[in-house]
Every structure is written in C-alpha cells, then in structure tokens.
Amino acid sequence: MVVIILPTKNESESIRETIDRIRSVCSDQIVVVDGHSTDGTADIAREMGVQVIFDNNKGKGDALRAAFDYVDDDVLFLDADGTYPVEQIPEFIDALEGCDVVIGERVEFTDGSLPLLLRIGDRASRTMFRMLYGARLDNLSGFRGISRDAISRMRLESDGFGIETEITAKAVRLGLRIKKIPIAYLVRRGRSKFSPVRDGVAVVCAMVRYRFWGTENQTLICRKTKGMKRDSDEHR
C-alpha cells in the first residue's frame, strides 16, 4: 500500500483541485500534513474526507518527517500547489514495487514556472550534487516516492527545504535503488514559500553535510526503461 502525502501551508487556492486530480487517477489514501495554515487549507481537505495532521511549524522537512512518522506504509509525496503532474502518480506507485526511492526528475519547465534566478540556482545545485556524489539526480524535486524501509534507514533530520537534498544524498550513500521518472514542472498557484537565500543555504549545507554521512556504497539508478540498470560508479 502507498500513502500519498501532501505537505501544505496556505494552499487554499489549489488544495481542492489537487485532491480531485489525485482521486481521478488512483484510490490510495491521501494524508495532508498542514503547517498551521491561516487560509482554511486544512478545513477544505477535511471537507473532502482527507485525513489531516499538523506539523510543528518548522518547515517542509518537519512536515514530511511528521507524516512519515504518522504512516506505516510506502509513501509518495508532492507539493499541493499545482506544480507537479499528478497524472503520473500511478507510474510512481508502480516504480516503488522495484525501487527504494523514485524521483520525479524535472526535465521540462513550463513558461513562468521557475524564475530565471531560481533556474540558475537549480542548475548549480544539480551540478554541485553530481560533483559531490557522482550521481546525476534532481536533488530538489518535490515529487517522490519512498519505501517504508528506506525511510527507516535514512533517519531524516531536516526541518526545512533541505529535506529533498537529504533524501537524495542518503539514498546514494546507502546504496538504495533509485528510479528517475521524467516530469514537467508547472506554474504554481499561490505564493511560493521558498526563500532563495535562506533555503538555498539550507540546501547547500545539507548537500555538504550528508556527503560524509554513513557508509560508502554504490547506488543503483533505475532508468525509465524495462527492468533496472546499474548506472553509477562507486561513490567516493
């Protein structure tokens, strides 16, 4: 079983549509983990029959860790702001049957989805990750699937926007089976909570910190082809 997790913070403009779209493609349980929204996001989710829990108001990482503690199954998480292609959820769920971590690799950015400054930062982040870990992975993607066993082994710590980078880094360091699924990044609805300076620093710190975390392993990068293919050399 897979539980779909939606971390939210004032997403009243998009939460209803996001839930409807998810239900149109799968019947798996949805859990909203809310950051104490003031715009009625949690109320809308409850009205739609979705389970709502609350984080400790520390950030996205805190929200996801709270949700991971709450559920006992494999998870799939994505932002509820309309930026990710919900229609690909079944593909992610299927991929989790053969991999530990599934990453929605953003290969296309629709017009207006990401300002130029953030595009530059995104490219720099991926380059730095590849240099540190020897793996071509989208360390900032917010559309992912993770097995219950992988969550337990990662012992996640991040409170803020460094959480996706921590997940990616630890997946590589632990030698977990990783599958990348190409996705498009879409225009968000509502105001972004990402701070280029504050959260950019958190991402870099996570990248450096977890490079020296755990034991040295190989990682399996499962391409979007039939079967799984070993795709990376042993990481330093």
Protein backbone atom coordinates (compact mmCIF):
# COMPACT_ATOMS: atom_id res chain seq x y z
CA MET A 1 0.00 0.00 0.00
CA VAL A 2 1.13 3.56 -0.76
CA VAL A 3 0.02 6.65 1.14
CA ILE A 4 0.05 9.96 -0.75
CA ILE A 5 1.31 12.84 1.38
CA LEU A 6 0.56 16.48 0.63
CA PRO A 7 2.58 18.99 2.70
CA THR A 8 0.62 22.25 2.79
CA LYS A 9 0.97 25.81 4.02
CA ASN A 10 -1.78 28.20 2.90
CA GLU A 11 -2.69 26.30 -0.26
CA SER A 12 -6.43 27.05 -0.32
CA GLU A 13 -6.21 28.11 -3.99
CA SER A 14 -5.08 24.69 -5.12
CA ILE A 15 -5.73 22.01 -2.48
CA ARG A 16 -9.24 21.11 -3.66
CA GLU A 17 -8.21 20.70 -7.27
CA THR A 18 -5.09 18.75 -6.28
CA ILE A 19 -7.11 16.25 -4.24
CA ASP A 20 -9.69 15.87 -7.02
CA ARG A 21 -6.95 15.23 -9.57
CA ILE A 22 -5.28 12.63 -7.36
CA ARG A 23 -8.58 10.81 -6.85
CA SER A 24 -9.15 10.75 -10.59
CA VAL A 25 -6.03 8.63 -11.14
CA CYS A 26 -5.78 6.46 -8.01
CA SER A 27 -7.68 5.34 -4.92
CA ASP A 28 -4.79 5.33 -2.44
CA GLN A 29 -5.06 7.08 0.91
CA ILE A 30 -4.25 10.79 0.98
CA VAL A 31 -2.82 12.49 4.07
CA VAL A 32 -2.46 16.27 4.26
CA VAL A 33 0.22 17.44 6.68
CA ASP A 34 -0.52 21.09 7.28
CA GLY A 35 1.79 23.82 8.53
CA HIS A 36 -0.93 25.56 10.53
CA SER A 37 -2.40 27.35 7.51
CA THR A 38 -4.43 30.51 8.11
CA ASP A 39 -6.43 30.37 4.88
CA GLY A 40 -8.59 27.32 5.55
CA THR A 41 -6.47 24.77 3.70
CA ALA A 42 -6.92 22.13 6.41
CA ASP A 43 -10.67 22.73 6.57
CA ILE A 44 -11.04 22.23 2.82
CA ALA A 45 -9.11 18.96 2.98
CA ARG A 46 -11.26 17.70 5.85
CA GLU A 47 -14.45 18.63 4.00
CA MET A 48 -13.23 16.43 1.16
CA GLY A 49 -12.78 13.49 3.52
CA VAL A 50 -8.99 13.64 3.66
CA GLN A 51 -7.03 12.85 6.82
CA VAL A 52 -5.30 15.99 8.12
CA ILE A 53 -2.41 16.11 10.57
CA PHE A 54 -0.28 19.06 11.64
CA ASP A 55 3.46 19.60 11.76
CA ASN A 56 5.47 21.57 14.32
CA ASN A 57 5.53 24.68 12.13
CA LYS A 58 9.25 24.39 11.43
CA GLY A 59 9.18 23.94 7.66
CA LYS A 60 8.70 21.43 4.86
CA GLY A 61 11.18 18.90 6.23
CA ASP A 62 9.44 18.93 9.59
CA ALA A 63 6.09 18.40 7.83
CA LEU A 64 7.32 15.41 5.83
CA ARG A 65 9.01 13.80 8.83
CA ALA A 66 5.79 14.19 10.83
CA ALA A 67 3.88 12.48 8.02
CA PHE A 68 6.46 9.69 7.71
CA ASP A 69 6.08 9.04 11.44
CA TYR A 70 2.31 9.02 11.12
CA VAL A 71 2.01 6.40 8.36
CA ASP A 72 3.35 2.85 8.28
CA ASP A 73 3.39 2.28 4.53
CA ASP A 74 5.40 3.29 1.50
CA VAL A 75 4.82 6.95 0.69
CA LEU A 76 4.57 9.24 -2.27
CA PHE A 77 4.74 12.96 -1.65
CA LEU A 78 4.28 16.03 -3.80
CA ASP A 79 3.50 19.70 -3.34
CA ALA A 80 -0.17 20.67 -3.41
CA ASP A 81 0.38 23.89 -5.38
CA GLY A 82 -0.18 22.51 -8.87
CA THR A 83 3.50 22.41 -9.86
CA TYR A 84 3.70 18.64 -10.32
CA PRO A 85 1.94 16.35 -12.84
CA VAL A 86 -0.46 14.45 -10.61
CA GLU A 87 -1.47 12.27 -13.55
CA GLN A 88 1.88 10.44 -13.26
CA ILE A 89 1.18 9.20 -9.72
CA PRO A 90 0.30 5.65 -10.90
CA GLU A 91 3.67 5.47 -12.64
CA PHE A 92 5.43 6.39 -9.37
CA ILE A 93 3.44 3.82 -7.43
CA ASP A 94 4.32 1.08 -9.91
CA ALA A 95 8.00 2.08 -9.79
CA LEU A 96 8.11 1.72 -5.99
CA GLU A 97 7.50 -2.00 -6.39
CA GLY A 98 11.04 -2.40 -7.72
CA CYS A 99 12.94 0.53 -6.23
CA ASP A 100 13.52 2.15 -2.85
CA VAL A 101 13.32 5.78 -3.99
CA VAL A 102 11.53 7.24 -7.00
CA ILE A 103 12.44 10.78 -8.04
CA GLY A 104 10.45 12.94 -10.41
CA GLU A 105 13.26 14.41 -12.47
CA ARG A 106 12.24 17.83 -13.77
CA VAL A 107 13.30 17.79 -17.41
CA GLU A 108 10.89 20.46 -18.60
CA PHE A 109 9.95 23.80 -17.09
CA THR A 110 6.78 25.34 -18.48
CA ASP A 111 6.74 29.08 -19.14
CA GLY A 112 6.60 31.04 -15.90
CA SER A 113 7.08 28.01 -13.66
CA LEU A 114 10.51 28.98 -12.33
CA PRO A 115 12.06 32.50 -12.37
CA LEU A 116 15.47 32.88 -14.00
CA LEU A 117 17.31 33.30 -10.70
CA LEU A 118 15.85 30.04 -9.38
CA ARG A 119 16.59 28.27 -12.68
CA ILE A 120 20.24 29.23 -12.31
CA GLY A 121 20.24 28.08 -8.70
CA ASP A 122 18.58 24.79 -9.65
CA ARG A 123 21.21 24.07 -12.30
CA ALA A 124 24.01 24.97 -9.90
CA SER A 125 22.53 22.72 -7.22
CA ARG A 126 22.32 19.71 -9.53
CA THR A 127 25.90 20.31 -10.71
CA MET A 128 27.18 20.52 -7.15
CA PHE A 129 25.32 17.35 -6.22
CA ARG A 130 26.82 15.49 -9.16
CA MET A 131 30.32 16.66 -8.21
CA LEU A 132 29.91 15.62 -4.57
CA TYR A 133 28.03 12.35 -5.04
CA GLY A 134 28.88 11.22 -8.56
CA ALA A 135 25.22 10.80 -9.49
CA ARG A 136 23.02 12.78 -11.86
CA LEU A 137 19.90 13.30 -9.76
CA ASP A 138 17.38 16.08 -9.25
CA ASN A 139 18.09 16.77 -5.59
CA LEU A 140 15.41 19.49 -5.36
CA SER A 141 12.41 17.73 -6.89
CA GLY A 142 9.40 17.73 -4.58
CA PHE A 143 7.67 14.77 -6.29
CA ARG A 144 8.99 11.50 -4.87
CA GLY A 145 8.17 8.01 -3.72
CA ILE A 146 9.99 6.29 -0.84
CA SER A 147 9.65 2.80 0.56
CA ARG A 148 8.96 2.29 4.25
CA ASP A 149 12.29 0.51 4.67
CA ALA A 150 14.20 3.38 3.04
CA ILE A 151 12.55 5.92 5.34
CA SER A 152 13.60 3.91 8.38
CA ARG A 153 17.18 3.59 7.18
CA MET A 154 17.58 7.28 6.30
CA ARG A 155 16.87 8.66 9.79
CA LEU A 156 15.86 12.01 8.33
CA GLU A 157 16.68 15.21 10.21
CA SER A 158 15.98 18.28 8.05
CA ASP A 159 13.26 20.73 9.09
CA GLY A 160 13.21 22.97 6.03
CA PHE A 161 13.74 22.85 2.26
CA GLY A 162 16.91 20.81 2.65
CA ILE A 163 14.77 17.68 3.07
CA GLU A 164 14.74 16.64 -0.60
CA THR A 165 18.50 17.02 -0.80
CA GLU A 166 18.93 14.99 2.38
CA ILE A 167 16.72 12.21 0.97
CA THR A 168 18.67 12.18 -2.30
CA ALA A 169 22.05 12.25 -0.60
CA LYS A 170 21.22 9.47 1.85
CA ALA A 171 19.71 7.34 -0.91
CA VAL A 172 23.05 7.49 -2.71
CA ARG A 173 25.14 6.96 0.42
CA LEU A 174 23.05 3.95 1.46
CA GLY A 175 23.24 2.37 -1.98
CA LEU A 176 19.46 2.36 -2.38
CA ARG A 177 17.77 1.51 -5.66
CA ILE A 178 16.76 4.80 -7.28
CA LYS A 179 14.49 5.29 -10.26
CA LYS A 180 14.18 8.58 -12.11
CA ILE A 181 10.93 9.43 -13.87
CA PRO A 182 10.97 12.45 -16.22
CA ILE A 183 8.36 15.07 -15.36
CA ALA A 184 7.42 18.61 -16.29
CA TYR A 185 7.45 21.38 -13.69
CA LEU A 186 4.32 23.51 -13.94
CA VAL A 187 3.25 27.01 -12.88
CA ARG A 188 2.32 27.10 -9.21
CA ARG A 189 -0.87 28.51 -7.78
CA GLY A 190 -0.45 30.83 -4.81
CA ARG A 191 2.67 32.33 -3.29
CA SER A 192 5.92 30.39 -3.09
CA LYS A 193 7.38 29.79 0.38
CA PHE A 194 10.91 29.21 -0.94
CA SER A 195 13.47 31.87 0.06
CA PRO A 196 16.38 31.83 -2.45
CA VAL A 197 18.95 32.91 0.15
CA ARG A 198 17.82 31.21 3.35
CA ASP A 199 16.61 28.00 1.76
CA GLY A 200 19.40 27.95 -0.80
CA VAL A 201 21.91 27.93 2.05
CA ALA A 202 19.99 25.08 3.71
CA VAL A 203 20.21 23.03 0.52
CA VAL A 204 23.96 23.57 0.17
CA CYS A 205 24.55 22.76 3.85
CA ALA A 206 22.57 19.53 3.51
CA MET A 207 24.50 18.57 0.41
CA VAL A 208 27.88 19.03 2.09
CA ARG A 209 26.84 17.54 5.43
CA TYR A 210 25.45 14.29 4.09
CA ARG A 211 28.32 13.73 1.69
CA PHE A 212 30.21 12.45 4.72
CA TRP A 213 27.26 10.68 6.32
CA GLY A 214 27.04 6.90 6.73
CA THR A 215 28.98 4.23 4.93
CA GLU A 216 30.31 4.24 1.41
CA ASN A 217 28.15 2.36 -1.06
CA GLN A 218 27.18 2.04 -4.65
CA THR A 219 23.84 3.31 -5.87
CA LEU A 220 21.60 1.80 -8.47
CA ILE A 221 19.99 4.29 -10.79
CA CYS A 222 16.98 2.64 -12.36
CA ARG A 223 16.35 4.26 -15.72
CA LYS A 224 12.89 4.60 -17.17
CA THR A 225 13.41 1.52 -19.30
CA LYS A 226 12.42 -2.09 -18.96
CA GLY A 227 13.99 -3.55 -15.86
CA MET A 228 16.62 -1.87 -13.72
CA LYS A 229 20.06 -0.88 -14.85
CA ARG A 230 23.15 -0.25 -12.73
CA ASP A 231 24.08 3.29 -13.72
CA SER A 232 26.61 4.71 -11.34
CA ASP A 233 30.14 4.05 -10.27
CA GLU A 234 31.15 3.53 -6.68
CA HIS A 235 30.89 6.85 -4.88
CA ARG A 236 33.80 8.27 -3.00
